[in-house]
Amino acid sequence: MGLLDRIRAWGSADDTKAPTVRSPQEAQLIETMQDRIGDPLHEERPIRLYLRFTGEVQGVGFRWTNMGLAREHGMTGWVMNLSDGSVEMEIQGTPGQVIVHLDELHAYYRRFANRIWLEEKREIPVIADETSFEARYEPGITL
């Protein structure tokens, strides 16, 4: 899709009605988070996830969008571009916050017709003293 096509898609009136296409990994993650929301022992307990996205995720503000959404919802972690064109992220929050973050991320990029595909996910240990969400740079990358 060319630049003009993206501009047309961005301005179309029905862009919010288009269904969000999610990877099997992401659909499974959301289902797991929804199960935890229904469990009083887990719904408010923070979790930390390692996520790796592919698709149109570099050169489109993906790190900054994730950082803004995470900070807006009180989540912590980091996001980083990788040299293979993918983006990896560690994100920490409640199951409900994770679902909202992913929903808002897709909603934002849907208007540009960007494909965002969760390729890899895993739960990792929570970092108790982490206080912010930041954009990082791959080791060896200098600005």
C-alpha atoms as a PDB file:
ATOM      1  CA  MET A   1       0.000   0.000   0.000  1.00  0.00           C
ATOM      2  CA  GLY A   2       1.401   3.345  -1.031  1.00  0.00           C
ATOM      3  CA  LEU A   3       1.427   6.610   0.862  1.00  0.00           C
ATOM      4  CA  LEU A   4      -1.642   7.999  -0.899  1.00  0.00           C
ATOM      5  CA  ASP A   5      -3.577   4.806  -0.175  1.00  0.00           C
ATOM      6  CA  ARG A   6      -2.704   5.146   3.501  1.00  0.00           C
ATOM      7  CA  ILE A   7      -3.844   8.761   3.556  1.00  0.00           C
ATOM      8  CA  ARG A   8      -7.143   7.783   1.933  1.00  0.00           C
ATOM      9  CA  ALA A   9      -7.607   4.906   4.388  1.00  0.00           C
ATOM     10  CA  TRP A  10      -6.811   7.180   7.317  1.00  0.00           C
ATOM     11  CA  GLY A  11      -9.529   9.610   6.358  1.00  0.00           C
ATOM     12  CA  SER A  12     -12.207   7.060   5.520  1.00  0.00           C
ATOM     13  CA  ALA A  13     -15.375   7.143   7.579  1.00  0.00           C
ATOM     14  CA  ASP A  14     -15.572   3.384   8.100  1.00  0.00           C
ATOM     15  CA  ASP A  15     -12.013   2.748   9.319  1.00  0.00           C
ATOM     16  CA  THR A  16     -13.161   2.139  12.908  1.00  0.00           C
ATOM     17  CA  LYS A  17     -15.629  -0.542  11.792  1.00  0.00           C
ATOM     18  CA  ALA A  18     -13.021  -2.747  10.159  1.00  0.00           C
ATOM     19  CA  PRO A  19     -12.306  -5.821  12.281  1.00  0.00           C
ATOM     20  CA  THR A  20      -8.931  -6.058  13.948  1.00  0.00           C
ATOM     21  CA  VAL A  21      -6.985  -9.027  12.658  1.00  0.00           C
ATOM     22  CA  ARG A  22      -4.923 -10.586  15.421  1.00  0.00           C
ATOM     23  CA  SER A  23      -2.308 -13.299  15.322  1.00  0.00           C
ATOM     24  CA  PRO A  24      -3.068 -16.649  16.958  1.00  0.00           C
ATOM     25  CA  GLN A  25      -0.492 -15.736  19.624  1.00  0.00           C
ATOM     26  CA  GLU A  26      -2.322 -12.506  20.434  1.00  0.00           C
ATOM     27  CA  ALA A  27      -5.771 -14.143  20.433  1.00  0.00           C
ATOM     28  CA  GLN A  28      -4.474 -16.741  22.894  1.00  0.00           C
ATOM     29  CA  LEU A  29      -2.889 -14.030  25.071  1.00  0.00           C
ATOM     30  CA  ILE A  30      -6.136 -12.059  25.224  1.00  0.00           C
ATOM     31  CA  GLU A  31      -8.085 -15.184  26.122  1.00  0.00           C
ATOM     32  CA  THR A  32      -5.634 -15.893  28.964  1.00  0.00           C
ATOM     33  CA  MET A  33      -5.911 -12.295  30.207  1.00  0.00           C
ATOM     34  CA  GLN A  34      -9.720 -12.479  30.093  1.00  0.00           C
ATOM     35  CA  ASP A  35      -9.645 -15.669  32.184  1.00  0.00           C
ATOM     36  CA  ARG A  36      -7.502 -13.887  34.773  1.00  0.00           C
ATOM     37  CA  ILE A  37      -9.885 -10.924  34.891  1.00  0.00           C
ATOM     38  CA  GLY A  38     -12.609 -13.311  36.040  1.00  0.00           C
ATOM     39  CA  ASP A  39     -10.394 -14.710  38.813  1.00  0.00           C
ATOM     40  CA  PRO A  40     -10.281 -12.531  41.968  1.00  0.00           C
ATOM     41  CA  LEU A  41      -6.844 -13.931  42.843  1.00  0.00           C
ATOM     42  CA  HIS A  42      -5.306 -12.780  39.535  1.00  0.00           C
ATOM     43  CA  GLU A  43      -7.288  -9.877  38.063  1.00  0.00           C
ATOM     44  CA  GLU A  44      -5.436  -7.115  39.932  1.00  0.00           C
ATOM     45  CA  ARG A  45      -2.082  -8.887  40.244  1.00  0.00           C
ATOM     46  CA  PRO A  46       0.504  -7.399  37.884  1.00  0.00           C
ATOM     47  CA  ILE A  47       2.033  -9.566  35.196  1.00  0.00           C
ATOM     48  CA  ARG A  48       4.991  -8.957  32.915  1.00  0.00           C
ATOM     49  CA  LEU A  49       5.074 -10.091  29.324  1.00  0.00           C
ATOM     50  CA  TYR A  50       7.759 -10.348  26.693  1.00  0.00           C
ATOM     51  CA  LEU A  51       6.182  -9.606  23.288  1.00  0.00           C
ATOM     52  CA  ARG A  52       7.739  -9.529  19.808  1.00  0.00           C
ATOM     53  CA  PHE A  53       5.831  -7.885  16.966  1.00  0.00           C
ATOM     54  CA  THR A  54       6.362  -8.051  13.211  1.00  0.00           C
ATOM     55  CA  GLY A  55       4.611  -6.333  10.326  1.00  0.00           C
ATOM     56  CA  GLU A  56       4.687  -2.603   9.735  1.00  0.00           C
ATOM     57  CA  VAL A  57       6.143  -1.776  13.128  1.00  0.00           C
ATOM     58  CA  GLN A  58       9.281   0.229  12.353  1.00  0.00           C
ATOM     59  CA  GLY A  59       9.372   3.758  11.019  1.00  0.00           C
ATOM     60  CA  VAL A  60       5.747   4.369  12.008  1.00  0.00           C
ATOM     61  CA  GLY A  61       6.121   5.570  15.605  1.00  0.00           C
ATOM     62  CA  PHE A  62       5.338   2.140  17.054  1.00  0.00           C
ATOM     63  CA  ARG A  63       7.711   2.507  20.018  1.00  0.00           C
ATOM     64  CA  TRP A  64       6.440   5.972  20.866  1.00  0.00           C
ATOM     65  CA  THR A  65       2.800   4.915  20.533  1.00  0.00           C
ATOM     66  CA  ASN A  66       3.396   1.978  22.879  1.00  0.00           C
ATOM     67  CA  MET A  67       5.219   4.220  25.313  1.00  0.00           C
ATOM     68  CA  GLY A  68       2.379   6.767  25.330  1.00  0.00           C
ATOM     69  CA  LEU A  69      -0.332   4.133  25.774  1.00  0.00           C
ATOM     70  CA  ALA A  70       1.563   2.322  28.517  1.00  0.00           C
ATOM     71  CA  ARG A  71       2.247   5.518  30.442  1.00  0.00           C
ATOM     72  CA  GLU A  72      -1.364   6.653  30.019  1.00  0.00           C
ATOM     73  CA  HIS A  73      -2.555   3.439  31.663  1.00  0.00           C
ATOM     74  CA  GLY A  74       0.099   3.281  34.408  1.00  0.00           C
ATOM     75  CA  MET A  75       2.026   0.371  32.915  1.00  0.00           C
ATOM     76  CA  THR A  76       5.789  -0.125  33.029  1.00  0.00           C
ATOM     77  CA  GLY A  77       8.417  -1.740  30.810  1.00  0.00           C
ATOM     78  CA  TRP A  78      10.216  -0.955  27.573  1.00  0.00           C
ATOM     79  CA  VAL A  79      10.009  -1.296  23.781  1.00  0.00           C
ATOM     80  CA  MET A  80      12.859  -1.631  21.254  1.00  0.00           C
ATOM     81  CA  ASN A  81      13.347  -1.944  17.483  1.00  0.00           C
ATOM     82  CA  LEU A  82      15.426  -4.922  16.371  1.00  0.00           C
ATOM     83  CA  SER A  83      17.706  -5.076  13.346  1.00  0.00           C
ATOM     84  CA  ASP A  84      15.530  -7.800  11.742  1.00  0.00           C
ATOM     85  CA  GLY A  85      12.626  -5.309  11.414  1.00  0.00           C
ATOM     86  CA  SER A  86      10.656  -6.607  14.385  1.00  0.00           C
ATOM     87  CA  VAL A  87       9.978  -4.839  17.680  1.00  0.00           C
ATOM     88  CA  GLU A  88      10.309  -6.411  21.091  1.00  0.00           C
ATOM     89  CA  MET A  89       8.670  -5.210  24.246  1.00  0.00           C
ATOM     90  CA  GLU A  90       8.400  -6.044  27.909  1.00  0.00           C
ATOM     91  CA  ILE A  91       5.205  -4.694  29.392  1.00  0.00           C
ATOM     92  CA  GLN A  92       3.946  -4.917  32.959  1.00  0.00           C
ATOM     93  CA  GLY A  93       0.473  -4.291  34.303  1.00  0.00           C
ATOM     94  CA  THR A  94      -2.766  -6.007  35.212  1.00  0.00           C
ATOM     95  CA  PRO A  95      -4.488  -8.365  32.763  1.00  0.00           C
ATOM     96  CA  GLY A  96      -7.103  -5.675  32.081  1.00  0.00           C
ATOM     97  CA  GLN A  97      -4.420  -3.114  31.302  1.00  0.00           C
ATOM     98  CA  VAL A  98      -2.760  -5.526  28.854  1.00  0.00           C
ATOM     99  CA  ILE A  99      -6.017  -6.039  26.947  1.00  0.00           C
ATOM    100  CA  VAL A 100      -6.744  -2.300  26.805  1.00  0.00           C
ATOM    101  CA  HIS A 101      -3.182  -1.594  25.644  1.00  0.00           C
ATOM    102  CA  LEU A 102      -3.397  -4.095  22.780  1.00  0.00           C
ATOM    103  CA  ASP A 103      -6.884  -2.915  21.776  1.00  0.00           C
ATOM    104  CA  GLU A 104      -5.830   0.743  21.674  1.00  0.00           C
ATOM    105  CA  LEU A 105      -2.618  -0.109  19.821  1.00  0.00           C
ATOM    106  CA  HIS A 106      -4.557  -1.868  17.066  1.00  0.00           C
ATOM    107  CA  ALA A 107      -7.183   0.890  16.956  1.00  0.00           C
ATOM    108  CA  TYR A 108      -4.483   3.522  16.449  1.00  0.00           C
ATOM    109  CA  TYR A 109      -2.722   1.700  13.598  1.00  0.00           C
ATOM    110  CA  ARG A 110      -5.893   0.400  11.923  1.00  0.00           C
ATOM    111  CA  ARG A 111      -6.523   3.872  10.473  1.00  0.00           C
ATOM    112  CA  PHE A 112      -3.187   3.635   8.641  1.00  0.00           C
ATOM    113  CA  ALA A 113      -3.890   0.044   7.528  1.00  0.00           C
ATOM    114  CA  ASN A 114      -0.716  -1.172   9.262  1.00  0.00           C
ATOM    115  CA  ARG A 115      -0.378  -4.882   9.929  1.00  0.00           C
ATOM    116  CA  ILE A 116       0.744  -5.523  13.509  1.00  0.00           C
ATOM    117  CA  TRP A 117       1.378  -9.177  14.228  1.00  0.00           C
ATOM    118  CA  LEU A 118       2.315 -10.650  17.611  1.00  0.00           C
ATOM    119  CA  GLU A 119       4.831 -13.367  16.741  1.00  0.00           C
ATOM    120  CA  GLU A 120       6.076 -14.310  20.177  1.00  0.00           C
ATOM    121  CA  LYS A 121       4.803 -13.979  23.724  1.00  0.00           C
ATOM    122  CA  ARG A 122       5.835 -15.281  27.094  1.00  0.00           C
ATOM    123  CA  GLU A 123       5.190 -14.410  30.691  1.00  0.00           C
ATOM    124  CA  ILE A 124       8.300 -13.356  32.583  1.00  0.00           C
ATOM    125  CA  PRO A 125       8.961 -12.339  36.201  1.00  0.00           C
ATOM    126  CA  VAL A 126       7.496  -9.035  37.407  1.00  0.00           C
ATOM    127  CA  ILE A 127      10.000  -6.273  38.193  1.00  0.00           C
ATOM    128  CA  ALA A 128       8.655  -4.855  41.449  1.00  0.00           C
ATOM    129  CA  ASP A 129      10.622  -1.587  41.537  1.00  0.00           C
ATOM    130  CA  GLU A 130      10.127  -0.526  37.915  1.00  0.00           C
ATOM    131  CA  THR A 131       8.456   2.880  37.674  1.00  0.00           C
ATOM    132  CA  SER A 132       8.186   3.840  33.989  1.00  0.00           C
ATOM    133  CA  PHE A 133       7.888   2.699  30.393  1.00  0.00           C
ATOM    134  CA  GLU A 134      10.642   3.677  27.974  1.00  0.00           C
ATOM    135  CA  ALA A 135      11.789   3.313  24.381  1.00  0.00           C
ATOM    136  CA  ARG A 136      15.162   1.610  24.115  1.00  0.00           C
ATOM    137  CA  TYR A 137      17.711   1.192  21.366  1.00  0.00           C
ATOM    138  CA  GLU A 138      19.209  -2.131  20.284  1.00  0.00           C
ATOM    139  CA  PRO A 139      22.772  -2.626  21.566  1.00  0.00           C
ATOM    140  CA  GLY A 140      25.259  -1.379  19.025  1.00  0.00           C
ATOM    141  CA  ILE A 141      22.891   1.282  17.657  1.00  0.00           C
ATOM    142  CA  THR A 142      24.158   4.812  18.169  1.00  0.00           C
ATOM    143  CA  LEU A 143      22.208   7.966  17.573  1.00  0.00           C
END
